[in-house]
Amino acid sequence: MAISTKTRWPLFSLGVVAILISLGALIGSYTREIKSTDYIQQAREAAPWIFWGFGSAVAGTCLCSFGKGLYRTLGIWVGAALIMVWLLLGGTAV
């Protein structure tokens, strides 16, 4: 069953918004104020950033798969790169 064009572009647009949210979370996680020098406390403070950044990257990648042609490919590649970044950050922080 094919998805109509009326449904395809809003879903793809939501995917782009989710990827932008993930990029915003990535920037915010690096520019946030560090309140403690204790590494365990820093990891606890970083966990919500990682959770929301990773979740929005996964959602954005899935929703970008509804696009067409080059836009879909670009959205999936950017989303996959963000997923890898969040996995690397999550492995070192949490």
PDB file of N, CA and C in Angstrom:
ATOM      1  N   MET A   1       0.844  -1.175   0.000  1.00  0.00           N
ATOM      2  CA  MET A   1       0.000   0.000   0.000  1.00  0.00           C
ATOM      3  C   MET A   1       0.889   1.238   0.000  1.00  0.00           C
ATOM      4  N   ALA A   2       0.677   2.099  -0.937  1.00  0.00           N
ATOM      5  CA  ALA A   2       1.511   3.287  -1.087  1.00  0.00           C
ATOM      6  C   ALA A   2       0.990   4.424  -0.203  1.00  0.00           C
ATOM      7  N   ILE A   3       1.923   5.229   0.286  1.00  0.00           N
ATOM      8  CA  ILE A   3       1.568   6.409   1.076  1.00  0.00           C
ATOM      9  C   ILE A   3       1.356   7.570   0.122  1.00  0.00           C
ATOM     10  N   SER A   4       0.280   8.309   0.335  1.00  0.00           N
ATOM     11  CA  SER A   4       0.000   9.429  -0.560  1.00  0.00           C
ATOM     12  C   SER A   4       0.956  10.585  -0.285  1.00  0.00           C
ATOM     13  N   THR A   5       1.064  11.482  -1.247  1.00  0.00           N
ATOM     14  CA  THR A   5       1.939  12.644  -1.124  1.00  0.00           C
ATOM     15  C   THR A   5       1.464  13.561  -0.001  1.00  0.00           C
ATOM     16  N   LYS A   6       0.152  13.596   0.244  1.00  0.00           N
ATOM     17  CA  LYS A   6      -0.381  14.445   1.307  1.00  0.00           C
ATOM     18  C   LYS A   6       0.082  13.976   2.682  1.00  0.00           C
ATOM     19  N   THR A   7       0.381  12.711   2.814  1.00  0.00           N
ATOM     20  CA  THR A   7       0.855  12.174   4.089  1.00  0.00           C
ATOM     21  C   THR A   7       2.377  12.149   4.153  1.00  0.00           C
ATOM     22  N   ARG A   8       3.007  11.947   3.021  1.00  0.00           N
ATOM     23  CA  ARG A   8       4.456  11.774   2.978  1.00  0.00           C
ATOM     24  C   ARG A   8       5.215  13.009   3.448  1.00  0.00           C
ATOM     25  N   TRP A   9       4.904  14.175   2.934  1.00  0.00           N
ATOM     26  CA  TRP A   9       5.687  15.373   3.245  1.00  0.00           C
ATOM     27  C   TRP A   9       5.519  15.858   4.680  1.00  0.00           C
ATOM     28  N   PRO A  10       4.320  15.807   5.272  1.00  0.00           N
ATOM     29  CA  PRO A  10       4.247  16.173   6.700  1.00  0.00           C
ATOM     30  C   PRO A  10       5.053  15.238   7.593  1.00  0.00           C
ATOM     31  N   LEU A  11       5.059  13.945   7.283  1.00  0.00           N
ATOM     32  CA  LEU A  11       5.858  13.005   8.081  1.00  0.00           C
ATOM     33  C   LEU A  11       7.349  13.286   7.915  1.00  0.00           C
ATOM     34  N   PHE A  12       7.758  13.535   6.682  1.00  0.00           N
ATOM     35  CA  PHE A  12       9.158  13.874   6.438  1.00  0.00           C
ATOM     36  C   PHE A  12       9.538  15.171   7.155  1.00  0.00           C
ATOM     37  N   SER A  13       8.648  16.152   7.143  1.00  0.00           N
ATOM     38  CA  SER A  13       8.914  17.429   7.820  1.00  0.00           C
ATOM     39  C   SER A  13       9.052  17.229   9.332  1.00  0.00           C
ATOM     40  N   LEU A  14       8.238  16.369   9.900  1.00  0.00           N
ATOM     41  CA  LEU A  14       8.384  16.049  11.325  1.00  0.00           C
ATOM     42  C   LEU A  14       9.732  15.386  11.600  1.00  0.00           C
ATOM     43  N   GLY A  15      10.202  14.577  10.669  1.00  0.00           N
ATOM     44  CA  GLY A  15      11.517  13.962  10.814  1.00  0.00           C
ATOM     45  C   GLY A  15      12.628  15.000  10.806  1.00  0.00           C
ATOM     46  N   VAL A  16      12.507  15.991   9.939  1.00  0.00           N
ATOM     47  CA  VAL A  16      13.503  17.067   9.898  1.00  0.00           C
ATOM     48  C   VAL A  16      13.484  17.849  11.204  1.00  0.00           C
ATOM     49  N   VAL A  17      12.291  18.115  11.737  1.00  0.00           N
ATOM     50  CA  VAL A  17      12.182  18.822  13.019  1.00  0.00           C
ATOM     51  C   VAL A  17      12.810  18.001  14.135  1.00  0.00           C
ATOM     52  N   ALA A  18      12.581  16.689  14.142  1.00  0.00           N
ATOM     53  CA  ALA A  18      13.169  15.833  15.176  1.00  0.00           C
ATOM     54  C   ALA A  18      14.696  15.821  15.080  1.00  0.00           C
ATOM     55  N   ILE A  19      15.231  15.821  13.875  1.00  0.00           N
ATOM     56  CA  ILE A  19      16.685  15.868  13.717  1.00  0.00           C
ATOM     57  C   ILE A  19      17.226  17.212  14.196  1.00  0.00           C
ATOM     58  N   LEU A  20      16.501  18.285  13.922  1.00  0.00           N
ATOM     59  CA  LEU A  20      16.931  19.593  14.424  1.00  0.00           C
ATOM     60  C   LEU A  20      16.872  19.660  15.953  1.00  0.00           C
ATOM     61  N   ILE A  21      15.886  19.014  16.554  1.00  0.00           N
ATOM     62  CA  ILE A  21      15.824  18.940  18.013  1.00  0.00           C
ATOM     63  C   ILE A  21      17.031  18.181  18.551  1.00  0.00           C
ATOM     64  N   SER A  22      17.397  17.103  17.892  1.00  0.00           N
ATOM     65  CA  SER A  22      18.562  16.332  18.312  1.00  0.00           C
ATOM     66  C   SER A  22      19.844  17.157  18.189  1.00  0.00           C
ATOM     67  N   LEU A  23      19.960  17.924  17.107  1.00  0.00           N
ATOM     68  CA  LEU A  23      21.126  18.807  16.962  1.00  0.00           C
ATOM     69  C   LEU A  23      21.145  19.877  18.046  1.00  0.00           C
ATOM     70  N   GLY A  24      19.974  20.415  18.378  1.00  0.00           N
ATOM     71  CA  GLY A  24      19.884  21.401  19.455  1.00  0.00           C
ATOM     72  C   GLY A  24      20.273  20.812  20.797  1.00  0.00           C
ATOM     73  N   ALA A  25      19.851  19.577  21.036  1.00  0.00           N
ATOM     74  CA  ALA A  25      20.236  18.907  22.282  1.00  0.00           C
ATOM     75  C   ALA A  25      21.744  18.648  22.321  1.00  0.00           C
ATOM     76  N   LEU A  26      22.320  18.326  21.179  1.00  0.00           N
ATOM     77  CA  LEU A  26      23.768  18.107  21.125  1.00  0.00           C
ATOM     78  C   LEU A  26      24.523  19.386  21.443  1.00  0.00           C
ATOM     79  N   ILE A  27      24.094  20.495  20.859  1.00  0.00           N
ATOM     80  CA  ILE A  27      24.730  21.783  21.143  1.00  0.00           C
ATOM     81  C   ILE A  27      24.518  22.164  22.602  1.00  0.00           C
ATOM     82  N   GLY A  28      23.293  21.969  23.087  1.00  0.00           N
ATOM     83  CA  GLY A  28      22.995  22.301  24.476  1.00  0.00           C
ATOM     84  C   GLY A  28      23.762  21.457  25.463  1.00  0.00           C
ATOM     85  N   SER A  29      23.997  20.197  25.138  1.00  0.00           N
ATOM     86  CA  SER A  29      24.733  19.329  26.061  1.00  0.00           C
ATOM     87  C   SER A  29      26.197  19.735  26.173  1.00  0.00           C
ATOM     88  N   TYR A  30      26.739  20.306  25.111  1.00  0.00           N
ATOM     89  CA  TYR A  30      28.129  20.747  25.167  1.00  0.00           C
ATOM     90  C   TYR A  30      28.295  22.138  25.765  1.00  0.00           C
ATOM     91  N   THR A  31      27.259  22.966  25.683  1.00  0.00           N
ATOM     92  CA  THR A  31      27.380  24.334  26.190  1.00  0.00           C
ATOM     93  C   THR A  31      26.732  24.520  27.555  1.00  0.00           C
ATOM     94  N   ARG A  32      26.227  23.446  28.151  1.00  0.00           N
ATOM     95  CA  ARG A  32      25.585  23.581  29.466  1.00  0.00           C
ATOM     96  C   ARG A  32      26.625  23.853  30.544  1.00  0.00           C
ATOM     97  N   GLU A  33      26.137  24.410  31.625  1.00  0.00           N
ATOM     98  CA  GLU A  33      27.016  24.746  32.736  1.00  0.00           C
ATOM     99  C   GLU A  33      27.350  23.476  33.526  1.00  0.00           C
ATOM    100  N   ILE A  34      28.614  23.278  33.795  1.00  0.00           N
ATOM    101  CA  ILE A  34      29.061  22.144  34.607  1.00  0.00           C
ATOM    102  C   ILE A  34      29.037  22.589  36.067  1.00  0.00           C
ATOM    103  N   LYS A  35      28.235  21.909  36.882  1.00  0.00           N
ATOM    104  CA  LYS A  35      28.067  22.314  38.269  1.00  0.00           C
ATOM    105  C   LYS A  35      28.976  21.574  39.231  1.00  0.00           C
ATOM    106  N   SER A  36      29.572  20.495  38.801  1.00  0.00           N
ATOM    107  CA  SER A  36      30.372  19.678  39.705  1.00  0.00           C
ATOM    108  C   SER A  36      31.618  19.180  38.982  1.00  0.00           C
ATOM    109  N   THR A  37      32.648  18.920  39.749  1.00  0.00           N
ATOM    110  CA  THR A  37      33.856  18.318  39.176  1.00  0.00           C
ATOM    111  C   THR A  37      33.841  16.802  39.307  1.00  0.00           C
ATOM    112  N   ASP A  38      32.835  16.271  39.968  1.00  0.00           N
ATOM    113  CA  ASP A  38      32.687  14.825  40.143  1.00  0.00           C
ATOM    114  C   ASP A  38      32.144  14.220  38.848  1.00  0.00           C
ATOM    115  N   TYR A  39      32.862  13.246  38.314  1.00  0.00           N
ATOM    116  CA  TYR A  39      32.475  12.657  37.031  1.00  0.00           C
ATOM    117  C   TYR A  39      31.148  11.903  37.110  1.00  0.00           C
ATOM    118  N   ILE A  40      30.868  11.268  38.222  1.00  0.00           N
ATOM    119  CA  ILE A  40      29.608  10.548  38.377  1.00  0.00           C
ATOM    120  C   ILE A  40      28.434  11.529  38.359  1.00  0.00           C
ATOM    121  N   GLN A  41      28.582  12.638  39.050  1.00  0.00           N
ATOM    122  CA  GLN A  41      27.532  13.661  39.062  1.00  0.00           C
ATOM    123  C   GLN A  41      27.352  14.273  37.668  1.00  0.00           C
ATOM    124  N   GLN A  42      28.432  14.482  36.959  1.00  0.00           N
ATOM    125  CA  GLN A  42      28.337  15.013  35.593  1.00  0.00           C
ATOM    126  C   GLN A  42      27.591  14.045  34.683  1.00  0.00           C
ATOM    127  N   ALA A  43      27.833  12.752  34.855  1.00  0.00           N
ATOM    128  CA  ALA A  43      27.139  11.747  34.041  1.00  0.00           C
ATOM    129  C   ALA A  43      25.651  11.737  34.357  1.00  0.00           C
ATOM    130  N   ARG A  44      25.296  11.884  35.621  1.00  0.00           N
ATOM    131  CA  ARG A  44      23.876  11.937  35.986  1.00  0.00           C
ATOM    132  C   ARG A  44      23.201  13.164  35.376  1.00  0.00           C
ATOM    133  N   GLU A  45      23.905  14.284  35.359  1.00  0.00           N
ATOM    134  CA  GLU A  45      23.334  15.498  34.786  1.00  0.00           C
ATOM    135  C   GLU A  45      23.232  15.412  33.253  1.00  0.00           C
ATOM    136  N   ALA A  46      24.092  14.624  32.631  1.00  0.00           N
ATOM    137  CA  ALA A  46      24.092  14.507  31.167  1.00  0.00           C
ATOM    138  C   ALA A  46      23.075  13.486  30.661  1.00  0.00           C
ATOM    139  N   ALA A  47      22.606  12.600  31.517  1.00  0.00           N
ATOM    140  CA  ALA A  47      21.713  11.522  31.079  1.00  0.00           C
ATOM    141  C   ALA A  47      20.449  12.022  30.382  1.00  0.00           C
ATOM    142  N   PRO A  48      19.736  13.044  30.884  1.00  0.00           N
ATOM    143  CA  PRO A  48      18.544  13.501  30.151  1.00  0.00           C
ATOM    144  C   PRO A  48      18.863  14.063  28.765  1.00  0.00           C
ATOM    145  N   TRP A  49      19.987  14.740  28.647  1.00  0.00           N
ATOM    146  CA  TRP A  49      20.388  15.264  27.334  1.00  0.00           C
ATOM    147  C   TRP A  49      20.584  14.116  26.349  1.00  0.00           C
ATOM    148  N   ILE A  50      21.252  13.069  26.818  1.00  0.00           N
ATOM    149  CA  ILE A  50      21.535  11.923  25.955  1.00  0.00           C
ATOM    150  C   ILE A  50      20.236  11.197  25.600  1.00  0.00           C
ATOM    151  N   PHE A  51      19.361  11.024  26.578  1.00  0.00           N
ATOM    152  CA  PHE A  51      18.089  10.352  26.333  1.00  0.00           C
ATOM    153  C   PHE A  51      17.270  11.081  25.277  1.00  0.00           C
ATOM    154  N   TRP A  52      17.076  12.373  25.434  1.00  0.00           N
ATOM    155  CA  TRP A  52      16.260  13.133  24.492  1.00  0.00           C
ATOM    156  C   TRP A  52      16.951  13.294  23.141  1.00  0.00           C
ATOM    157  N   GLY A  53      18.250  13.482  23.139  1.00  0.00           N
ATOM    158  CA  GLY A  53      18.966  13.610  21.869  1.00  0.00           C
ATOM    159  C   GLY A  53      18.930  12.333  21.056  1.00  0.00           C
ATOM    160  N   PHE A  54      19.156  11.200  21.730  1.00  0.00           N
ATOM    161  CA  PHE A  54      19.127   9.913  21.039  1.00  0.00           C
ATOM    162  C   PHE A  54      17.719   9.587  20.554  1.00  0.00           C
ATOM    163  N   GLY A  55      16.731   9.812  21.403  1.00  0.00           N
ATOM    164  CA  GLY A  55      15.351   9.508  21.021  1.00  0.00           C
ATOM    165  C   GLY A  55      14.876  10.337  19.841  1.00  0.00           C
ATOM    166  N   SER A  56      15.215  11.613  19.846  1.00  0.00           N
ATOM    167  CA  SER A  56      14.783  12.451  18.727  1.00  0.00           C
ATOM    168  C   SER A  56      15.554  12.108  17.455  1.00  0.00           C
ATOM    169  N   ALA A  57      16.796  11.677  17.578  1.00  0.00           N
ATOM    170  CA  ALA A  57      17.553  11.254  16.392  1.00  0.00           C
ATOM    171  C   ALA A  57      16.955   9.989  15.785  1.00  0.00           C
ATOM    172  N   VAL A  58      16.549   9.048  16.625  1.00  0.00           N
ATOM    173  CA  VAL A  58      15.923   7.818  16.114  1.00  0.00           C
ATOM    174  C   VAL A  58      14.587   8.140  15.455  1.00  0.00           C
ATOM    175  N   ALA A  59      13.777   8.967  16.125  1.00  0.00           N
ATOM    176  CA  ALA A  59      12.483   9.339  15.549  1.00  0.00           C
ATOM    177  C   ALA A  59      12.669  10.096  14.238  1.00  0.00           C
ATOM    178  N   GLY A  60      13.626  11.008  14.200  1.00  0.00           N
ATOM    179  CA  GLY A  60      13.882  11.765  12.978  1.00  0.00           C
ATOM    180  C   GLY A  60      14.338  10.885  11.836  1.00  0.00           C
ATOM    181  N   THR A  61      15.177   9.916  12.135  1.00  0.00           N
ATOM    182  CA  THR A  61      15.647   9.004  11.091  1.00  0.00           C
ATOM    183  C   THR A  61      14.496   8.173  10.537  1.00  0.00           C
ATOM    184  N   CYS A  62      13.649   7.672  11.425  1.00  0.00           N
ATOM    185  CA  CYS A  62      12.504   6.877  10.975  1.00  0.00           C
ATOM    186  C   CYS A  62      11.535   7.724  10.144  1.00  0.00           C
ATOM    187  N   LEU A  63      11.265   8.939  10.597  1.00  0.00           N
ATOM    188  CA  LEU A  63      10.316   9.783   9.868  1.00  0.00           C
ATOM    189  C   LEU A  63      10.897  10.309   8.556  1.00  0.00           C
ATOM    190  N   CYS A  64      12.207  10.491   8.501  1.00  0.00           N
ATOM    191  CA  CYS A  64      12.820  10.942   7.245  1.00  0.00           C
ATOM    192  C   CYS A  64      12.762   9.867   6.168  1.00  0.00           C
ATOM    193  N   SER A  65      12.517   8.633   6.547  1.00  0.00           N
ATOM    194  CA  SER A  65      12.417   7.572   5.545  1.00  0.00           C
ATOM    195  C   SER A  65      11.161   7.721   4.689  1.00  0.00           C
ATOM    196  N   PHE A  66      10.245   8.606   5.080  1.00  0.00           N
ATOM    197  CA  PHE A  66       9.055   8.856   4.268  1.00  0.00           C
ATOM    198  C   PHE A  66       9.308   9.871   3.158  1.00  0.00           C
ATOM    199  N   GLY A  67      10.486  10.481   3.130  1.00  0.00           N
ATOM    200  CA  GLY A  67      10.804  11.458   2.083  1.00  0.00           C
ATOM    201  C   GLY A  67      11.036  10.783   0.742  1.00  0.00           C
ATOM    202  N   LYS A  68      11.415  11.599  -0.232  1.00  0.00           N
ATOM    203  CA  LYS A  68      11.666  11.066  -1.569  1.00  0.00           C
ATOM    204  C   LYS A  68      13.073  11.419  -2.022  1.00  0.00           C
ATOM    205  N   GLY A  69      13.701  10.499  -2.695  1.00  0.00           N
ATOM    206  CA  GLY A  69      14.968  10.738  -3.369  1.00  0.00           C
ATOM    207  C   GLY A  69      16.103  11.200  -2.472  1.00  0.00           C
ATOM    208  N   LEU A  70      16.746  12.283  -2.903  1.00  0.00           N
ATOM    209  CA  LEU A  70      17.925  12.796  -2.212  1.00  0.00           C
ATOM    210  C   LEU A  70      17.594  13.291  -0.814  1.00  0.00           C
ATOM    211  N   TYR A  71      16.399  13.864  -0.634  1.00  0.00           N
ATOM    212  CA  TYR A  71      16.009  14.353   0.686  1.00  0.00           C
ATOM    213  C   TYR A  71      15.938  13.203   1.695  1.00  0.00           C
ATOM    214  N   ARG A  72      15.361  12.087   1.284  1.00  0.00           N
ATOM    215  CA  ARG A  72      15.279  10.926   2.162  1.00  0.00           C
ATOM    216  C   ARG A  72      16.673  10.421   2.503  1.00  0.00           C
ATOM    217  N   THR A  73      17.524  10.293   1.497  1.00  0.00           N
ATOM    218  CA  THR A  73      18.879   9.792   1.723  1.00  0.00           C
ATOM    219  C   THR A  73      19.649  10.708   2.667  1.00  0.00           C
ATOM    220  N   LEU A  74      19.571  12.002   2.431  1.00  0.00           N
ATOM    221  CA  LEU A  74      20.270  12.959   3.276  1.00  0.00           C
ATOM    222  C   LEU A  74      19.743  12.921   4.711  1.00  0.00           C
ATOM    223  N   GLY A  75      18.431  12.868   4.876  1.00  0.00           N
ATOM    224  CA  GLY A  75      17.843  12.801   6.211  1.00  0.00           C
ATOM    225  C   GLY A  75      18.245  11.552   6.966  1.00  0.00           C
ATOM    226  N   ILE A  76      18.265  10.427   6.282  1.00  0.00           N
ATOM    227  CA  ILE A  76      18.645   9.176   6.933  1.00  0.00           C
ATOM    228  C   ILE A  76      20.123   9.189   7.302  1.00  0.00           C
ATOM    229  N   TRP A  77      20.982   9.716   6.445  1.00  0.00           N
ATOM    230  CA  TRP A  77      22.417   9.774   6.756  1.00  0.00           C
ATOM    231  C   TRP A  77      22.701  10.705   7.929  1.00  0.00           C
ATOM    232  N   VAL A  78      22.074  11.870   7.941  1.00  0.00           N
ATOM    233  CA  VAL A  78      22.282  12.801   9.060  1.00  0.00           C
ATOM    234  C   VAL A  78      21.744  12.189  10.350  1.00  0.00           C
ATOM    235  N   GLY A  79      20.574  11.565  10.270  1.00  0.00           N
ATOM    236  CA  GLY A  79      20.005  10.914  11.453  1.00  0.00           C
ATOM    237  C   GLY A  79      20.880   9.775  11.953  1.00  0.00           C
ATOM    238  N   ALA A  80      21.414   8.981  11.038  1.00  0.00           N
ATOM    239  CA  ALA A  80      22.288   7.877  11.440  1.00  0.00           C
ATOM    240  C   ALA A  80      23.575   8.394  12.080  1.00  0.00           C
ATOM    241  N   ALA A  81      24.113   9.482  11.542  1.00  0.00           N
ATOM    242  CA  ALA A  81      25.319  10.072  12.147  1.00  0.00           C
ATOM    243  C   ALA A  81      25.017  10.578  13.556  1.00  0.00           C
ATOM    244  N   LEU A  82      23.859  11.202  13.739  1.00  0.00           N
ATOM    245  CA  LEU A  82      23.483  11.674  15.078  1.00  0.00           C
ATOM    246  C   LEU A  82      23.274  10.513  16.042  1.00  0.00           C
ATOM    247  N   ILE A  83      22.689   9.429  15.560  1.00  0.00           N
ATOM    248  CA  ILE A  83      22.517   8.250  16.422  1.00  0.00           C
ATOM    249  C   ILE A  83      23.876   7.737  16.878  1.00  0.00           C
ATOM    250  N   MET A  84      24.837   7.689  15.973  1.00  0.00           N
ATOM    251  CA  MET A  84      26.179   7.222  16.350  1.00  0.00           C
ATOM    252  C   MET A  84      26.831   8.156  17.368  1.00  0.00           C
ATOM    253  N   VAL A  85      26.665   9.471  17.168  1.00  0.00           N
ATOM    254  CA  VAL A  85      27.233  10.431  18.114  1.00  0.00           C
ATOM    255  C   VAL A  85      26.609  10.240  19.491  1.00  0.00           C
ATOM    256  N   TRP A  86      25.282  10.097  19.554  1.00  0.00           N
ATOM    257  CA  TRP A  86      24.624   9.935  20.849  1.00  0.00           C
ATOM    258  C   TRP A  86      24.991   8.603  21.496  1.00  0.00           C
ATOM    259  N   LEU A  87      25.180   7.552  20.704  1.00  0.00           N
ATOM    260  CA  LEU A  87      25.622   6.281  21.274  1.00  0.00           C
ATOM    261  C   LEU A  87      27.025   6.390  21.860  1.00  0.00           C
ATOM    262  N   LEU A  88      27.904   7.097  21.163  1.00  0.00           N
ATOM    263  CA  LEU A  88      29.257   7.302  21.693  1.00  0.00           C
ATOM    264  C   LEU A  88      29.236   8.141  22.963  1.00  0.00           C
ATOM    265  N   LEU A  89      28.439   9.212  22.964  1.00  0.00           N
ATOM    266  CA  LEU A  89      28.326  10.031  24.168  1.00  0.00           C
ATOM    267  C   LEU A  89      27.687   9.257  25.312  1.00  0.00           C
ATOM    268  N   GLY A  90      26.674   8.477  25.012  1.00  0.00           N
ATOM    269  CA  GLY A  90      26.009   7.688  26.047  1.00  0.00           C
ATOM    270  C   GLY A  90      26.913   6.623  26.632  1.00  0.00           C
ATOM    271  N   GLY A  91      27.782   6.062  25.820  1.00  0.00           N
ATOM    272  CA  GLY A  91      28.699   5.038  26.318  1.00  0.00           C
ATOM    273  C   GLY A  91      29.773   5.606  27.219  1.00  0.00           C
ATOM    274  N   THR A  92      30.118   6.868  27.022  1.00  0.00           N
ATOM    275  CA  THR A  92      31.164   7.459  27.848  1.00  0.00           C
ATOM    276  C   THR A  92      30.605   8.184  29.058  1.00  0.00           C
ATOM    277  N   ALA A  93      29.331   8.600  29.008  1.00  0.00           N
ATOM    278  CA  ALA A  93      28.796   9.423  30.094  1.00  0.00           C
ATOM    279  C   ALA A  93      27.926   8.639  31.066  1.00  0.00           C
ATOM    280  N   VAL A  94      27.204   7.667  30.569  1.00  0.00           N
ATOM    281  CA  VAL A  94      26.238   6.993  31.453  1.00  0.00           C
ATOM    282  C   VAL A  94      26.720   5.607  31.778  1.00  0.00           C
TER     283      VAL A  94
END
